[in-house]
């Protein structure tokens, strides 16, 4: 069963790309977002 909640700044479960870039190195974000998915690794 899903326990998905709505994304909202007031709930504190939302962030922007700008905030991510201020927090993490751009290369680290590139590696994270370009990594292969689990499904791709199973093939």
PDB file of N, CA and C in Angstrom:
ATOM      1  N   UNK A   1       0.838  -1.172   0.000  1.00  0.00           N
ATOM      2  CA  UNK A   1       0.000   0.000   0.000  1.00  0.00           C
ATOM      3  C   UNK A   1       0.890   1.244   0.000  1.00  0.00           C
ATOM      4  N   UNK A   2       0.503   2.217  -0.738  1.00  0.00           N
ATOM      5  CA  UNK A   2       1.302   3.430  -0.874  1.00  0.00           C
ATOM      6  C   UNK A   2       1.040   4.393   0.282  1.00  0.00           C
ATOM      7  N   UNK A   3       2.111   4.997   0.757  1.00  0.00           N
ATOM      8  CA  UNK A   3       1.978   6.025   1.795  1.00  0.00           C
ATOM      9  C   UNK A   3       2.394   7.375   1.233  1.00  0.00           C
ATOM     10  N   UNK A   4       2.170   7.545  -0.055  1.00  0.00           N
ATOM     11  CA  UNK A   4       2.591   8.778  -0.730  1.00  0.00           C
ATOM     12  C   UNK A   4       1.862   9.984  -0.154  1.00  0.00           C
ATOM     13  N   UNK A   5       2.638  11.055   0.034  1.00  0.00           N
ATOM     14  CA  UNK A   5       2.065  12.317   0.490  1.00  0.00           C
ATOM     15  C   UNK A   5       2.314  13.363  -0.566  1.00  0.00           C
ATOM     16  N   UNK A   6       1.580  14.381  -0.490  1.00  0.00           N
ATOM     17  CA  UNK A   6       1.726  15.493  -1.408  1.00  0.00           C
ATOM     18  C   UNK A   6       3.024  16.255  -1.124  1.00  0.00           C
ATOM     19  N   UNK A   7       3.701  16.697  -2.186  1.00  0.00           N
ATOM     20  CA  UNK A   7       4.915  17.508  -2.021  1.00  0.00           C
ATOM     21  C   UNK A   7       4.522  18.949  -1.752  1.00  0.00           C
ATOM     22  N   UNK A   8       5.108  19.522  -0.717  1.00  0.00           N
ATOM     23  CA  UNK A   8       4.750  20.878  -0.334  1.00  0.00           C
ATOM     24  C   UNK A   8       5.893  21.512   0.448  1.00  0.00           C
ATOM     25  N   UNK A   9       6.164  22.788   0.187  1.00  0.00           N
ATOM     26  CA  UNK A   9       7.186  23.496   0.956  1.00  0.00           C
ATOM     27  C   UNK A   9       6.812  23.554   2.430  1.00  0.00           C
ATOM     28  N   UNK A  10       5.521  23.740   2.718  1.00  0.00           N
ATOM     29  CA  UNK A  10       5.098  23.849   4.117  1.00  0.00           C
ATOM     30  C   UNK A  10       5.275  22.529   4.865  1.00  0.00           C
ATOM     31  N   UNK A  11       5.209  21.397   4.157  1.00  0.00           N
ATOM     32  CA  UNK A  11       5.443  20.101   4.795  1.00  0.00           C
ATOM     33  C   UNK A  11       6.933  19.803   4.929  1.00  0.00           C
ATOM     34  N   UNK A  12       7.748  20.548   4.184  1.00  0.00           N
ATOM     35  CA  UNK A  12       9.188  20.357   4.255  1.00  0.00           C
ATOM     36  C   UNK A  12       9.697  19.202   3.411  1.00  0.00           C
ATOM     37  N   UNK A  13       8.882  18.702   2.485  1.00  0.00           N
ATOM     38  CA  UNK A  13       9.316  17.581   1.656  1.00  0.00           C
ATOM     39  C   UNK A  13       9.482  17.989   0.191  1.00  0.00           C
ATOM     40  N   UNK A  14       9.831  19.227  -0.053  1.00  0.00           N
ATOM     41  CA  UNK A  14       9.998  19.771  -1.392  1.00  0.00           C
ATOM     42  C   UNK A  14      11.270  20.599  -1.422  1.00  0.00           C
ATOM     43  N   UNK A  15      12.020  20.473  -2.501  1.00  0.00           N
ATOM     44  CA  UNK A  15      13.213  21.301  -2.669  1.00  0.00           C
ATOM     45  C   UNK A  15      13.326  21.716  -4.129  1.00  0.00           C
ATOM     46  N   UNK A  16      14.073  22.750  -4.386  1.00  0.00           N
ATOM     47  CA  UNK A  16      14.248  23.229  -5.750  1.00  0.00           C
ATOM     48  C   UNK A  16      15.626  22.829  -6.265  1.00  0.00           C
ATOM     49  N   UNK A  17      15.786  22.876  -7.573  1.00  0.00           N
ATOM     50  CA  UNK A  17      17.087  22.596  -8.176  1.00  0.00           C
ATOM     51  C   UNK A  17      18.119  23.607  -7.676  1.00  0.00           C
ATOM     52  N   UNK A  18      17.711  24.846  -7.529  1.00  0.00           N
ATOM     53  CA  UNK A  18      18.628  25.887  -7.033  1.00  0.00           C
ATOM     54  C   UNK A  18      19.156  25.515  -5.643  1.00  0.00           C
ATOM     55  N   UNK A  19      18.283  25.040  -4.763  1.00  0.00           N
ATOM     56  CA  UNK A  19      18.701  24.633  -3.420  1.00  0.00           C
ATOM     57  C   UNK A  19      19.656  23.448  -3.492  1.00  0.00           C
ATOM     58  N   UNK A  20      19.367  22.494  -4.376  1.00  0.00           N
ATOM     59  CA  UNK A  20      20.263  21.350  -4.536  1.00  0.00           C
ATOM     60  C   UNK A  20      21.644  21.795  -4.999  1.00  0.00           C
ATOM     61  N   UNK A  21      21.675  22.741  -5.949  1.00  0.00           N
ATOM     62  CA  UNK A  21      22.959  23.225  -6.452  1.00  0.00           C
ATOM     63  C   UNK A  21      23.734  24.001  -5.391  1.00  0.00           C
ATOM     64  N   UNK A  22      23.038  24.635  -4.469  1.00  0.00           N
ATOM     65  CA  UNK A  22      23.710  25.340  -3.375  1.00  0.00           C
ATOM     66  C   UNK A  22      24.225  24.364  -2.320  1.00  0.00           C
ATOM     67  N   UNK A  23      23.596  23.190  -2.235  1.00  0.00           N
ATOM     68  CA  UNK A  23      23.936  22.210  -1.214  1.00  0.00           C
ATOM     69  C   UNK A  23      24.988  21.212  -1.687  1.00  0.00           C
ATOM     70  N   UNK A  24      24.868  20.762  -2.938  1.00  0.00           N
ATOM     71  CA  UNK A  24      25.739  19.718  -3.477  1.00  0.00           C
ATOM     72  C   UNK A  24      26.532  20.238  -4.667  1.00  0.00           C
ATOM     73  N   UNK A  25      27.636  19.587  -4.941  1.00  0.00           N
ATOM     74  CA  UNK A  25      28.447  19.903  -6.116  1.00  0.00           C
ATOM     75  C   UNK A  25      27.680  19.509  -7.376  1.00  0.00           C
ATOM     76  N   UNK A  26      27.756  20.320  -8.431  1.00  0.00           N
ATOM     77  CA  UNK A  26      27.053  19.981  -9.676  1.00  0.00           C
ATOM     78  C   UNK A  26      27.429  18.608 -10.229  1.00  0.00           C
ATOM     79  N   UNK A  27      28.699  18.220 -10.132  1.00  0.00           N
ATOM     80  CA  UNK A  27      29.107  16.911 -10.642  1.00  0.00           C
ATOM     81  C   UNK A  27      28.418  15.784  -9.874  1.00  0.00           C
ATOM     82  N   UNK A  28      28.295  15.924  -8.572  1.00  0.00           N
ATOM     83  CA  UNK A  28      27.617  14.906  -7.768  1.00  0.00           C
ATOM     84  C   UNK A  28      26.158  14.769  -8.194  1.00  0.00           C
ATOM     85  N   UNK A  29      25.502  15.887  -8.474  1.00  0.00           N
ATOM     86  CA  UNK A  29      24.110  15.830  -8.927  1.00  0.00           C
ATOM     87  C   UNK A  29      24.010  15.173 -10.296  1.00  0.00           C
ATOM     88  N   UNK A  30      24.940  15.491 -11.197  1.00  0.00           N
ATOM     89  CA  UNK A  30      24.932  14.862 -12.525  1.00  0.00           C
ATOM     90  C   UNK A  30      25.071  13.354 -12.405  1.00  0.00           C
ATOM     91  N   UNK A  31      25.998  12.914 -11.579  1.00  0.00           N
ATOM     92  CA  UNK A  31      26.197  11.476 -11.403  1.00  0.00           C
ATOM     93  C   UNK A  31      24.964  10.818 -10.798  1.00  0.00           C
ATOM     94  N   UNK A  32      24.325  11.477  -9.851  1.00  0.00           N
ATOM     95  CA  UNK A  32      23.132  10.918  -9.219  1.00  0.00           C
ATOM     96  C   UNK A  32      21.983  10.786 -10.212  1.00  0.00           C
ATOM     97  N   UNK A  33      21.711  11.844 -10.977  1.00  0.00           N
ATOM     98  CA  UNK A  33      20.566  11.831 -11.880  1.00  0.00           C
ATOM     99  C   UNK A  33      20.818  11.023 -13.150  1.00  0.00           C
ATOM    100  N   UNK A  34      22.071  10.782 -13.503  1.00  0.00           N
ATOM    101  CA  UNK A  34      22.376  10.030 -14.727  1.00  0.00           C
ATOM    102  C   UNK A  34      22.718   8.569 -14.450  1.00  0.00           C
ATOM    103  N   UNK A  35      22.614   8.136 -13.210  1.00  0.00           N
ATOM    104  CA  UNK A  35      22.941   6.747 -12.894  1.00  0.00           C
ATOM    105  C   UNK A  35      21.899   5.816 -13.513  1.00  0.00           C
ATOM    106  N   UNK A  36      22.308   4.597 -13.840  1.00  0.00           N
ATOM    107  CA  UNK A  36      21.338   3.653 -14.410  1.00  0.00           C
ATOM    108  C   UNK A  36      20.314   3.241 -13.363  1.00  0.00           C
ATOM    109  N   UNK A  37      19.122   2.975 -13.815  1.00  0.00           N
ATOM    110  CA  UNK A  37      18.071   2.529 -12.900  1.00  0.00           C
ATOM    111  C   UNK A  37      18.269   1.056 -12.565  1.00  0.00           C
ATOM    112  N   UNK A  38      17.597   0.588 -11.556  1.00  0.00           N
ATOM    113  CA  UNK A  38      17.686  -0.823 -11.165  1.00  0.00           C
ATOM    114  C   UNK A  38      17.225  -1.710 -12.310  1.00  0.00           C
ATOM    115  N   UNK A  39      16.157  -1.335 -12.982  1.00  0.00           N
ATOM    116  CA  UNK A  39      15.630  -2.137 -14.087  1.00  0.00           C
ATOM    117  C   UNK A  39      16.661  -2.276 -15.204  1.00  0.00           C
ATOM    118  N   UNK A  40      17.397  -1.210 -15.500  1.00  0.00           N
ATOM    119  CA  UNK A  40      18.401  -1.268 -16.555  1.00  0.00           C
ATOM    120  C   UNK A  40      19.546  -2.197 -16.168  1.00  0.00           C
ATOM    121  N   UNK A  41      19.859  -2.274 -14.887  1.00  0.00           N
ATOM    122  CA  UNK A  41      20.945  -3.146 -14.444  1.00  0.00           C
ATOM    123  C   UNK A  41      20.549  -4.615 -14.487  1.00  0.00           C
ATOM    124  N   UNK A  42      19.259  -4.915 -14.441  1.00  0.00           N
ATOM    125  CA  UNK A  42      18.801  -6.304 -14.451  1.00  0.00           C
ATOM    126  C   UNK A  42      18.842  -6.920 -15.845  1.00  0.00           C
ATOM    127  N   UNK A  43      18.891  -6.081 -16.855  1.00  0.00           N
ATOM    128  CA  UNK A  43      18.858  -6.594 -18.236  1.00  0.00           C
ATOM    129  C   UNK A  43      20.207  -7.123 -18.639  1.00  0.00           C
TER     130      UNK A  43
END
